[in-house]
Amino acid sequence: MMAVEEEQGSDAWRQPLSRPPIEVTEHTTEDELAAEMAERLNALLQDHNGLEPTAEGWRQLALELALKYVPAFKIETPVDRTGPSGLGGRPVGMGNHILQSRMKAEMRQGKSQAAAARTINKESGGAIAVKTAQNALSRESQPPDFMRLRRYKRKAARAIKAAADKLSQQ
């Protein structure tokens, strides 16, 4: 927790989460291991919306990790790509949104749609075809998958917290 406490405002707390597995030998003491694990646990709490190492913080971390990793808590939503109720098809990323934004920005500068498309083609080194850029504004744009899933994930997070609260009161 040494560097983490010294640099609260920076992202130094993330560094322990990218370390390789902890090497434990017959010469490793429990104190050394505990110090390394404490630093990693603190980083894990920080990584989950800056949770504090309190009973409530640990509880919230357990709930978040259960939602993310325990198969029994996985949710299936109407916007999933797989599963029986899934949309199917190719995942929607940020590409079309970014392209539409670039086209609109160019057109706000007074360029025609064709001129904006040529500019984007030139700036991308030909990676984005002129026709692709022109067509970006003519097709209906779906929000990226991660944005459409957000409301369902929030609903699941509120539900698991309510369930845990109810169990705690029994």
N, C-alpha and C. Protein backbone atom coordinates (compact mmCIF):
# COMPACT_ATOMS: atom_id res chain seq x y z
N MET A 1 0.82 -1.19 0.00
CA MET A 1 0.00 0.00 0.00
C MET A 1 0.86 1.25 0.00
N MET A 2 2.13 1.06 -0.07
CA MET A 2 3.05 2.17 0.01
C MET A 2 2.85 3.19 -1.10
N ALA A 3 2.98 2.80 -2.35
CA ALA A 3 2.85 3.75 -3.46
C ALA A 3 1.42 4.21 -3.63
N VAL A 4 0.49 3.36 -3.26
CA VAL A 4 -0.92 3.68 -3.43
C VAL A 4 -1.31 4.87 -2.56
N GLU A 5 -0.86 4.86 -1.31
CA GLU A 5 -1.21 5.94 -0.41
C GLU A 5 -0.50 7.24 -0.77
N GLU A 6 0.72 7.13 -1.32
CA GLU A 6 1.48 8.32 -1.67
C GLU A 6 0.90 9.04 -2.88
N GLU A 7 0.30 8.29 -3.80
CA GLU A 7 -0.17 8.88 -5.04
C GLU A 7 -1.67 8.67 -5.21
N GLN A 8 -2.47 9.11 -4.26
CA GLN A 8 -3.92 8.91 -4.30
C GLN A 8 -4.55 9.44 -5.58
N GLY A 9 -4.09 10.58 -6.09
CA GLY A 9 -4.71 11.20 -7.25
C GLY A 9 -4.38 10.52 -8.57
N SER A 10 -3.31 9.75 -8.63
CA SER A 10 -2.90 9.15 -9.89
C SER A 10 -3.44 7.73 -10.02
N ASP A 11 -3.03 7.07 -11.08
CA ASP A 11 -3.45 5.69 -11.31
C ASP A 11 -2.41 4.69 -10.82
N ALA A 12 -1.56 5.07 -9.91
CA ALA A 12 -0.52 4.18 -9.41
C ALA A 12 -1.12 2.95 -8.74
N TRP A 13 -2.32 3.07 -8.23
CA TRP A 13 -2.97 1.94 -7.57
C TRP A 13 -3.24 0.80 -8.55
N ARG A 14 -3.28 1.05 -9.85
CA ARG A 14 -3.56 0.00 -10.84
C ARG A 14 -2.38 -0.95 -11.03
N GLN A 15 -1.18 -0.50 -10.76
CA GLN A 15 0.02 -1.27 -11.03
C GLN A 15 0.00 -2.67 -10.41
N PRO A 16 -0.40 -2.85 -9.15
CA PRO A 16 -0.40 -4.20 -8.58
C PRO A 16 -1.31 -5.19 -9.32
N LEU A 17 -2.34 -4.70 -9.99
CA LEU A 17 -3.25 -5.60 -10.69
C LEU A 17 -2.64 -6.16 -11.97
N SER A 18 -1.55 -5.57 -12.45
CA SER A 18 -0.92 -6.07 -13.67
C SER A 18 0.32 -6.90 -13.38
N ARG A 19 0.58 -7.15 -12.12
CA ARG A 19 1.75 -7.95 -11.76
C ARG A 19 1.50 -9.42 -12.09
N PRO A 20 2.58 -10.18 -12.30
CA PRO A 20 2.42 -11.62 -12.53
C PRO A 20 1.97 -12.32 -11.25
N PRO A 21 1.64 -13.61 -11.33
CA PRO A 21 1.25 -14.33 -10.11
C PRO A 21 2.32 -14.23 -9.03
N ILE A 22 1.88 -14.29 -7.80
CA ILE A 22 2.80 -14.19 -6.66
C ILE A 22 3.59 -15.49 -6.57
N GLU A 23 4.90 -15.35 -6.58
CA GLU A 23 5.76 -16.53 -6.49
C GLU A 23 5.97 -16.87 -5.01
N VAL A 24 5.57 -18.06 -4.64
CA VAL A 24 5.69 -18.51 -3.25
C VAL A 24 6.63 -19.71 -3.21
N THR A 25 7.67 -19.60 -2.39
CA THR A 25 8.63 -20.70 -2.21
C THR A 25 8.69 -21.04 -0.73
N GLU A 26 9.53 -22.00 -0.40
CA GLU A 26 9.69 -22.36 1.02
C GLU A 26 10.34 -21.23 1.82
N HIS A 27 10.97 -20.27 1.14
CA HIS A 27 11.62 -19.15 1.81
C HIS A 27 10.71 -17.93 1.96
N THR A 28 9.54 -17.96 1.34
CA THR A 28 8.61 -16.84 1.42
C THR A 28 7.95 -16.85 2.80
N THR A 29 7.98 -15.71 3.47
CA THR A 29 7.34 -15.63 4.78
C THR A 29 5.88 -15.19 4.61
N GLU A 30 5.08 -15.52 5.59
CA GLU A 30 3.67 -15.11 5.55
C GLU A 30 3.54 -13.60 5.58
N ASP A 31 4.45 -12.92 6.28
CA ASP A 31 4.41 -11.46 6.34
C ASP A 31 4.68 -10.84 4.96
N GLU A 32 5.66 -11.38 4.23
CA GLU A 32 5.94 -10.89 2.88
C GLU A 32 4.74 -11.11 1.97
N LEU A 33 4.17 -12.30 2.08
CA LEU A 33 3.01 -12.65 1.26
C LEU A 33 1.81 -11.77 1.62
N ALA A 34 1.62 -11.54 2.91
CA ALA A 34 0.50 -10.70 3.37
C ALA A 34 0.66 -9.27 2.87
N ALA A 35 1.89 -8.75 2.89
CA ALA A 35 2.12 -7.38 2.42
C ALA A 35 1.79 -7.25 0.93
N GLU A 36 2.23 -8.22 0.14
CA GLU A 36 1.95 -8.19 -1.30
C GLU A 36 0.45 -8.34 -1.56
N MET A 37 -0.19 -9.25 -0.84
CA MET A 37 -1.63 -9.45 -1.02
C MET A 37 -2.43 -8.23 -0.58
N ALA A 38 -1.98 -7.56 0.48
CA ALA A 38 -2.68 -6.35 0.93
C ALA A 38 -2.63 -5.28 -0.14
N GLU A 39 -1.48 -5.14 -0.78
CA GLU A 39 -1.35 -4.15 -1.85
C GLU A 39 -2.27 -4.50 -3.02
N ARG A 40 -2.33 -5.78 -3.36
CA ARG A 40 -3.19 -6.21 -4.48
C ARG A 40 -4.67 -6.09 -4.12
N LEU A 41 -5.02 -6.42 -2.88
CA LEU A 41 -6.42 -6.28 -2.46
C LEU A 41 -6.86 -4.82 -2.47
N ASN A 42 -5.99 -3.94 -2.02
CA ASN A 42 -6.30 -2.51 -2.04
C ASN A 42 -6.54 -2.05 -3.48
N ALA A 43 -5.69 -2.51 -4.40
CA ALA A 43 -5.85 -2.16 -5.81
C ALA A 43 -7.16 -2.72 -6.37
N LEU A 44 -7.51 -3.92 -5.96
CA LEU A 44 -8.77 -4.53 -6.41
C LEU A 44 -9.96 -3.72 -5.93
N LEU A 45 -9.93 -3.29 -4.68
CA LEU A 45 -11.01 -2.45 -4.16
C LEU A 45 -11.09 -1.13 -4.93
N GLN A 46 -9.94 -0.52 -5.17
CA GLN A 46 -9.91 0.74 -5.93
C GLN A 46 -10.45 0.56 -7.34
N ASP A 47 -10.14 -0.60 -7.93
CA ASP A 47 -10.57 -0.89 -9.30
C ASP A 47 -12.08 -1.01 -9.42
N HIS A 48 -12.74 -1.31 -8.33
CA HIS A 48 -14.20 -1.43 -8.33
C HIS A 48 -14.81 -0.17 -7.73
N ASN A 49 -14.73 0.91 -8.48
CA ASN A 49 -15.32 2.20 -8.12
C ASN A 49 -14.81 2.74 -6.79
N GLY A 50 -13.56 2.48 -6.48
CA GLY A 50 -12.95 3.06 -5.29
C GLY A 50 -13.55 2.58 -3.98
N LEU A 51 -13.88 1.31 -3.90
CA LEU A 51 -14.46 0.77 -2.66
C LEU A 51 -13.45 0.90 -1.52
N GLU A 52 -13.97 1.04 -0.33
CA GLU A 52 -13.14 1.14 0.87
C GLU A 52 -13.02 -0.24 1.52
N PRO A 53 -11.92 -0.52 2.25
CA PRO A 53 -11.76 -1.81 2.91
C PRO A 53 -12.58 -1.91 4.20
N THR A 54 -13.88 -1.71 4.07
CA THR A 54 -14.81 -1.84 5.19
C THR A 54 -15.68 -3.06 4.93
N ALA A 55 -16.50 -3.42 5.91
CA ALA A 55 -17.40 -4.56 5.72
C ALA A 55 -18.31 -4.33 4.51
N GLU A 56 -18.81 -3.12 4.37
CA GLU A 56 -19.68 -2.81 3.22
C GLU A 56 -18.90 -2.85 1.91
N GLY A 57 -17.66 -2.38 1.92
CA GLY A 57 -16.83 -2.42 0.72
C GLY A 57 -16.54 -3.84 0.26
N TRP A 58 -16.18 -4.71 1.23
CA TRP A 58 -15.91 -6.11 0.89
C TRP A 58 -17.17 -6.79 0.38
N ARG A 59 -18.28 -6.47 0.99
CA ARG A 59 -19.56 -7.05 0.56
C ARG A 59 -19.88 -6.64 -0.87
N GLN A 60 -19.71 -5.35 -1.16
CA GLN A 60 -19.98 -4.85 -2.51
C GLN A 60 -19.04 -5.50 -3.53
N LEU A 61 -17.78 -5.68 -3.16
CA LEU A 61 -16.83 -6.33 -4.05
C LEU A 61 -17.25 -7.77 -4.33
N ALA A 62 -17.68 -8.48 -3.30
CA ALA A 62 -18.14 -9.86 -3.49
C ALA A 62 -19.33 -9.92 -4.44
N LEU A 63 -20.26 -8.98 -4.29
CA LEU A 63 -21.43 -8.96 -5.16
C LEU A 63 -21.03 -8.66 -6.61
N GLU A 64 -20.15 -7.68 -6.80
CA GLU A 64 -19.72 -7.33 -8.15
C GLU A 64 -18.98 -8.48 -8.82
N LEU A 65 -18.11 -9.15 -8.06
CA LEU A 65 -17.37 -10.27 -8.62
C LEU A 65 -18.29 -11.45 -8.91
N ALA A 66 -19.31 -11.65 -8.07
CA ALA A 66 -20.28 -12.72 -8.33
C ALA A 66 -21.02 -12.45 -9.64
N LEU A 67 -21.47 -11.23 -9.84
CA LEU A 67 -22.17 -10.88 -11.09
C LEU A 67 -21.28 -11.09 -12.31
N LYS A 68 -20.01 -10.82 -12.15
CA LYS A 68 -19.11 -10.87 -13.30
C LYS A 68 -18.60 -12.28 -13.60
N TYR A 69 -18.36 -13.09 -12.56
CA TYR A 69 -17.65 -14.35 -12.77
C TYR A 69 -18.41 -15.62 -12.40
N VAL A 70 -19.43 -15.55 -11.56
CA VAL A 70 -20.13 -16.77 -11.13
C VAL A 70 -21.24 -17.08 -12.13
N PRO A 71 -21.18 -18.25 -12.79
CA PRO A 71 -22.18 -18.57 -13.82
C PRO A 71 -23.63 -18.45 -13.34
N ALA A 72 -23.90 -18.77 -12.10
CA ALA A 72 -25.28 -18.70 -11.60
C ALA A 72 -25.83 -17.28 -11.57
N PHE A 73 -24.95 -16.29 -11.60
CA PHE A 73 -25.39 -14.89 -11.56
C PHE A 73 -25.30 -14.19 -12.92
N LYS A 74 -24.92 -14.92 -13.96
CA LYS A 74 -24.85 -14.31 -15.29
C LYS A 74 -26.25 -13.91 -15.72
N ILE A 75 -26.34 -12.80 -16.42
CA ILE A 75 -27.64 -12.35 -16.91
C ILE A 75 -27.67 -12.47 -18.43
N GLU A 76 -28.86 -12.74 -18.95
CA GLU A 76 -29.06 -12.76 -20.39
C GLU A 76 -30.08 -11.68 -20.70
N THR A 77 -29.73 -10.80 -21.61
CA THR A 77 -30.57 -9.64 -21.90
C THR A 77 -31.08 -9.69 -23.33
N PRO A 78 -32.07 -8.88 -23.65
CA PRO A 78 -32.56 -8.83 -25.03
C PRO A 78 -31.52 -8.31 -26.03
N VAL A 79 -30.47 -7.69 -25.56
CA VAL A 79 -29.47 -7.16 -26.49
C VAL A 79 -28.22 -8.02 -26.57
N ASP A 80 -28.22 -9.20 -25.91
CA ASP A 80 -27.09 -10.11 -26.03
C ASP A 80 -27.02 -10.66 -27.44
N ARG A 81 -25.84 -11.01 -27.87
CA ARG A 81 -25.65 -11.55 -29.21
C ARG A 81 -25.85 -13.06 -29.24
N THR A 82 -25.69 -13.73 -28.12
CA THR A 82 -25.81 -15.18 -28.08
C THR A 82 -26.96 -15.57 -27.17
N GLY A 83 -27.22 -16.86 -27.06
CA GLY A 83 -28.30 -17.35 -26.20
C GLY A 83 -29.62 -17.37 -26.93
N PRO A 84 -30.62 -18.00 -26.31
CA PRO A 84 -31.92 -18.16 -26.97
C PRO A 84 -32.63 -16.85 -27.29
N SER A 85 -32.45 -15.85 -26.45
CA SER A 85 -33.14 -14.58 -26.71
C SER A 85 -32.21 -13.56 -27.37
N GLY A 86 -31.05 -14.00 -27.80
CA GLY A 86 -30.05 -13.08 -28.34
C GLY A 86 -30.41 -12.51 -29.69
N LEU A 87 -29.82 -11.38 -29.99
CA LEU A 87 -30.02 -10.71 -31.28
C LEU A 87 -29.34 -11.43 -32.42
N GLY A 88 -28.24 -12.09 -32.10
CA GLY A 88 -27.44 -12.67 -33.16
C GLY A 88 -26.70 -11.57 -33.91
N GLY A 89 -25.99 -11.96 -34.92
CA GLY A 89 -25.31 -10.97 -35.74
C GLY A 89 -23.98 -10.53 -35.18
N ARG A 90 -23.37 -9.64 -35.90
CA ARG A 90 -22.05 -9.14 -35.55
C ARG A 90 -22.17 -8.11 -34.43
N PRO A 91 -21.27 -8.15 -33.45
CA PRO A 91 -21.31 -7.16 -32.37
C PRO A 91 -21.17 -5.74 -32.91
N VAL A 92 -21.87 -4.83 -32.27
CA VAL A 92 -21.81 -3.42 -32.66
C VAL A 92 -20.77 -2.74 -31.78
N GLY A 93 -19.79 -2.15 -32.41
CA GLY A 93 -18.75 -1.43 -31.68
C GLY A 93 -18.91 0.07 -31.85
N MET A 94 -17.86 0.79 -31.58
CA MET A 94 -17.89 2.25 -31.64
C MET A 94 -17.60 2.79 -33.04
N GLY A 95 -17.15 1.93 -33.96
CA GLY A 95 -16.71 2.38 -35.27
C GLY A 95 -17.69 3.27 -36.01
N ASN A 96 -18.94 2.84 -36.13
CA ASN A 96 -19.91 3.63 -36.89
C ASN A 96 -20.23 4.94 -36.19
N HIS A 97 -20.31 4.91 -34.86
CA HIS A 97 -20.56 6.16 -34.11
C HIS A 97 -19.44 7.16 -34.33
N ILE A 98 -18.23 6.67 -34.28
CA ILE A 98 -17.07 7.56 -34.47
C ILE A 98 -17.08 8.12 -35.89
N LEU A 99 -17.37 7.26 -36.87
CA LEU A 99 -17.40 7.71 -38.26
C LEU A 99 -18.50 8.75 -38.47
N GLN A 100 -19.67 8.51 -37.90
CA GLN A 100 -20.75 9.50 -38.02
C GLN A 100 -20.36 10.82 -37.37
N SER A 101 -19.73 10.75 -36.22
CA SER A 101 -19.30 11.97 -35.53
C SER A 101 -18.28 12.74 -36.36
N ARG A 102 -17.35 12.02 -36.96
CA ARG A 102 -16.35 12.68 -37.81
C ARG A 102 -17.01 13.34 -39.01
N MET A 103 -17.97 12.63 -39.63
CA MET A 103 -18.68 13.20 -40.79
C MET A 103 -19.42 14.47 -40.38
N LYS A 104 -20.14 14.41 -39.27
CA LYS A 104 -20.90 15.58 -38.80
C LYS A 104 -19.98 16.75 -38.48
N ALA A 105 -18.82 16.45 -37.88
CA ALA A 105 -17.86 17.51 -37.54
C ALA A 105 -17.35 18.19 -38.82
N GLU A 106 -17.05 17.40 -39.82
CA GLU A 106 -16.58 17.97 -41.10
C GLU A 106 -17.68 18.80 -41.75
N MET A 107 -18.91 18.32 -41.70
CA MET A 107 -20.02 19.03 -42.34
C MET A 107 -20.36 20.32 -41.59
N ARG A 108 -20.12 20.35 -40.27
CA ARG A 108 -20.35 21.58 -39.50
C ARG A 108 -19.38 22.68 -39.92
N GLN A 109 -18.28 22.28 -40.50
CA GLN A 109 -17.30 23.25 -41.00
C GLN A 109 -17.68 23.77 -42.38
N GLY A 110 -18.86 23.37 -42.86
CA GLY A 110 -19.35 23.88 -44.13
C GLY A 110 -19.08 22.99 -45.33
N LYS A 111 -18.53 21.81 -45.10
CA LYS A 111 -18.24 20.91 -46.22
C LYS A 111 -19.51 20.14 -46.60
N SER A 112 -19.58 19.76 -47.86
CA SER A 112 -20.68 18.90 -48.30
C SER A 112 -20.41 17.49 -47.80
N GLN A 113 -21.41 16.62 -47.91
CA GLN A 113 -21.25 15.25 -47.45
C GLN A 113 -20.13 14.56 -48.24
N ALA A 114 -20.08 14.79 -49.54
CA ALA A 114 -19.04 14.19 -50.39
C ALA A 114 -17.65 14.71 -50.02
N ALA A 115 -17.54 16.02 -49.78
CA ALA A 115 -16.24 16.60 -49.41
C ALA A 115 -15.79 16.09 -48.04
N ALA A 116 -16.73 15.96 -47.12
CA ALA A 116 -16.41 15.43 -45.79
C ALA A 116 -15.92 13.99 -45.91
N ALA A 117 -16.57 13.21 -46.74
CA ALA A 117 -16.18 11.81 -46.94
C ALA A 117 -14.78 11.72 -47.55
N ARG A 118 -14.47 12.59 -48.49
CA ARG A 118 -13.14 12.59 -49.10
C ARG A 118 -12.07 12.97 -48.07
N THR A 119 -12.39 13.94 -47.21
CA THR A 119 -11.45 14.35 -46.17
C THR A 119 -11.15 13.19 -45.22
N ILE A 120 -12.20 12.49 -44.81
CA ILE A 120 -12.02 11.35 -43.89
C ILE A 120 -11.23 10.25 -44.57
N ASN A 121 -11.50 10.01 -45.84
CA ASN A 121 -10.76 9.01 -46.60
C ASN A 121 -9.28 9.37 -46.63
N LYS A 122 -9.00 10.63 -46.87
CA LYS A 122 -7.61 11.10 -46.95
C LYS A 122 -6.92 11.01 -45.58
N GLU A 123 -7.62 11.45 -44.52
CA GLU A 123 -7.05 11.42 -43.17
C GLU A 123 -6.78 9.99 -42.70
N SER A 124 -7.61 9.05 -43.15
CA SER A 124 -7.43 7.65 -42.71
C SER A 124 -6.43 6.91 -43.58
N GLY A 125 -5.86 7.60 -44.56
CA GLY A 125 -4.90 6.95 -45.44
C GLY A 125 -5.54 5.91 -46.33
N GLY A 126 -6.82 6.10 -46.62
CA GLY A 126 -7.54 5.17 -47.48
C GLY A 126 -8.18 4.01 -46.74
N ALA A 127 -7.98 3.93 -45.42
CA ALA A 127 -8.56 2.83 -44.64
C ALA A 127 -10.09 2.91 -44.63
N ILE A 128 -10.62 4.12 -44.67
CA ILE A 128 -12.07 4.31 -44.73
C ILE A 128 -12.40 4.79 -46.13
N ALA A 129 -13.15 3.97 -46.86
CA ALA A 129 -13.50 4.31 -48.23
C ALA A 129 -14.43 5.52 -48.25
N VAL A 130 -14.38 6.27 -49.34
CA VAL A 130 -15.24 7.45 -49.49
C VAL A 130 -16.70 7.05 -49.37
N LYS A 131 -17.08 5.95 -50.04
CA LYS A 131 -18.48 5.50 -50.01
C LYS A 131 -18.90 5.10 -48.59
N THR A 132 -18.00 4.45 -47.86
CA THR A 132 -18.31 4.05 -46.48
C THR A 132 -18.59 5.29 -45.63
N ALA A 133 -17.76 6.30 -45.77
CA ALA A 133 -17.95 7.54 -45.01
C ALA A 133 -19.25 8.22 -45.41
N GLN A 134 -19.55 8.26 -46.71
CA GLN A 134 -20.79 8.89 -47.17
C GLN A 134 -22.01 8.14 -46.63
N ASN A 135 -21.93 6.81 -46.63
CA ASN A 135 -23.07 6.01 -46.19
C ASN A 135 -23.26 6.01 -44.67
N ALA A 136 -22.26 6.45 -43.94
CA ALA A 136 -22.35 6.43 -42.47
C ALA A 136 -23.54 7.23 -41.97
N LEU A 137 -23.88 8.31 -42.65
CA LEU A 137 -24.99 9.15 -42.20
C LEU A 137 -26.34 8.66 -42.71
N SER A 138 -26.33 7.77 -43.69
CA SER A 138 -27.60 7.34 -44.27
C SER A 138 -28.18 6.11 -43.59
N ARG A 139 -27.38 5.39 -42.82
CA ARG A 139 -27.91 4.19 -42.16
C ARG A 139 -28.23 4.50 -40.70
N GLU A 140 -29.24 3.81 -40.20
CA GLU A 140 -29.63 3.98 -38.81
C GLU A 140 -28.54 3.38 -37.93
N SER A 141 -28.12 4.12 -36.98
CA SER A 141 -27.02 3.68 -36.14
C SER A 141 -27.53 3.11 -34.83
N GLN A 142 -27.09 1.89 -34.54
CA GLN A 142 -27.41 1.29 -33.25
C GLN A 142 -26.32 1.69 -32.27
N PRO A 143 -26.70 1.89 -31.02
CA PRO A 143 -25.65 2.17 -30.04
C PRO A 143 -24.76 0.94 -29.88
N PRO A 144 -23.51 1.13 -29.51
CA PRO A 144 -22.62 -0.02 -29.29
C PRO A 144 -23.19 -0.96 -28.24
N ASP A 145 -22.85 -2.23 -28.36
CA ASP A 145 -23.39 -3.25 -27.46
C ASP A 145 -23.16 -2.91 -25.99
N PHE A 146 -21.96 -2.42 -25.65
CA PHE A 146 -21.69 -2.15 -24.23
C PHE A 146 -22.62 -1.08 -23.68
N MET A 147 -23.04 -0.13 -24.52
CA MET A 147 -23.95 0.92 -24.06
C MET A 147 -25.37 0.37 -23.88
N ARG A 148 -25.78 -0.53 -24.78
CA ARG A 148 -27.13 -1.09 -24.68
C ARG A 148 -27.24 -2.05 -23.50
N LEU A 149 -26.14 -2.68 -23.11
CA LEU A 149 -26.15 -3.61 -21.99
C LEU A 149 -26.14 -2.90 -20.64
N ARG A 150 -25.70 -1.65 -20.63
CA ARG A 150 -25.49 -0.93 -19.38
C ARG A 150 -26.72 -0.92 -18.48
N ARG A 151 -27.90 -0.63 -19.03
CA ARG A 151 -29.08 -0.54 -18.17
C ARG A 151 -29.44 -1.88 -17.54
N TYR A 152 -29.21 -2.97 -18.27
CA TYR A 152 -29.50 -4.29 -17.71
C TYR A 152 -28.51 -4.66 -16.62
N LYS A 153 -27.26 -4.28 -16.82
CA LYS A 153 -26.25 -4.56 -15.80
C LYS A 153 -26.51 -3.75 -14.53
N ARG A 154 -26.96 -2.49 -14.70
CA ARG A 154 -27.31 -1.68 -13.53
C ARG A 154 -28.49 -2.31 -12.78
N LYS A 155 -29.47 -2.78 -13.53
CA LYS A 155 -30.63 -3.42 -12.92
C LYS A 155 -30.21 -4.67 -12.14
N ALA A 156 -29.32 -5.48 -12.71
CA ALA A 156 -28.84 -6.69 -12.03
C ALA A 156 -28.04 -6.32 -10.78
N ALA A 157 -27.24 -5.27 -10.85
CA ALA A 157 -26.45 -4.84 -9.70
C ALA A 157 -27.36 -4.37 -8.56
N ARG A 158 -28.41 -3.62 -8.90
CA ARG A 158 -29.36 -3.18 -7.86
C ARG A 158 -30.10 -4.38 -7.28
N ALA A 159 -30.46 -5.34 -8.13
CA ALA A 159 -31.21 -6.51 -7.66
C ALA A 159 -30.36 -7.38 -6.74
N ILE A 160 -29.09 -7.61 -7.09
CA ILE A 160 -28.26 -8.45 -6.23
C ILE A 160 -27.99 -7.77 -4.90
N LYS A 161 -27.87 -6.44 -4.91
CA LYS A 161 -27.68 -5.71 -3.66
C LYS A 161 -28.94 -5.81 -2.80
N ALA A 162 -30.11 -5.68 -3.41
CA ALA A 162 -31.37 -5.80 -2.66
C ALA A 162 -31.52 -7.21 -2.10
N ALA A 163 -31.14 -8.22 -2.87
CA ALA A 163 -31.23 -9.61 -2.40
C ALA A 163 -30.28 -9.83 -1.22
N ALA A 164 -29.07 -9.28 -1.31
CA ALA A 164 -28.11 -9.41 -0.21
C ALA A 164 -28.60 -8.68 1.03
N ASP A 165 -29.19 -7.50 0.85
CA ASP A 165 -29.74 -6.75 1.98
C ASP A 165 -30.85 -7.54 2.65
N LYS A 166 -31.71 -8.15 1.85
CA LYS A 166 -32.83 -8.93 2.39
C LYS A 166 -32.32 -10.14 3.16
N LEU A 167 -31.30 -10.82 2.62
CA LEU A 167 -30.72 -11.97 3.31
C LEU A 167 -30.05 -11.55 4.62
N SER A 168 -29.44 -10.39 4.63
CA SER A 168 -28.75 -9.90 5.83
C SER A 168 -29.72 -9.61 6.97
N GLN A 169 -30.95 -9.26 6.63
CA GLN A 169 -31.95 -8.92 7.64
C GLN A 169 -32.62 -10.15 8.22
N GLN A 170 -32.49 -11.29 7.57
CA GLN A 170 -33.16 -12.51 8.06
C GLN A 170 -32.44 -13.10 9.23
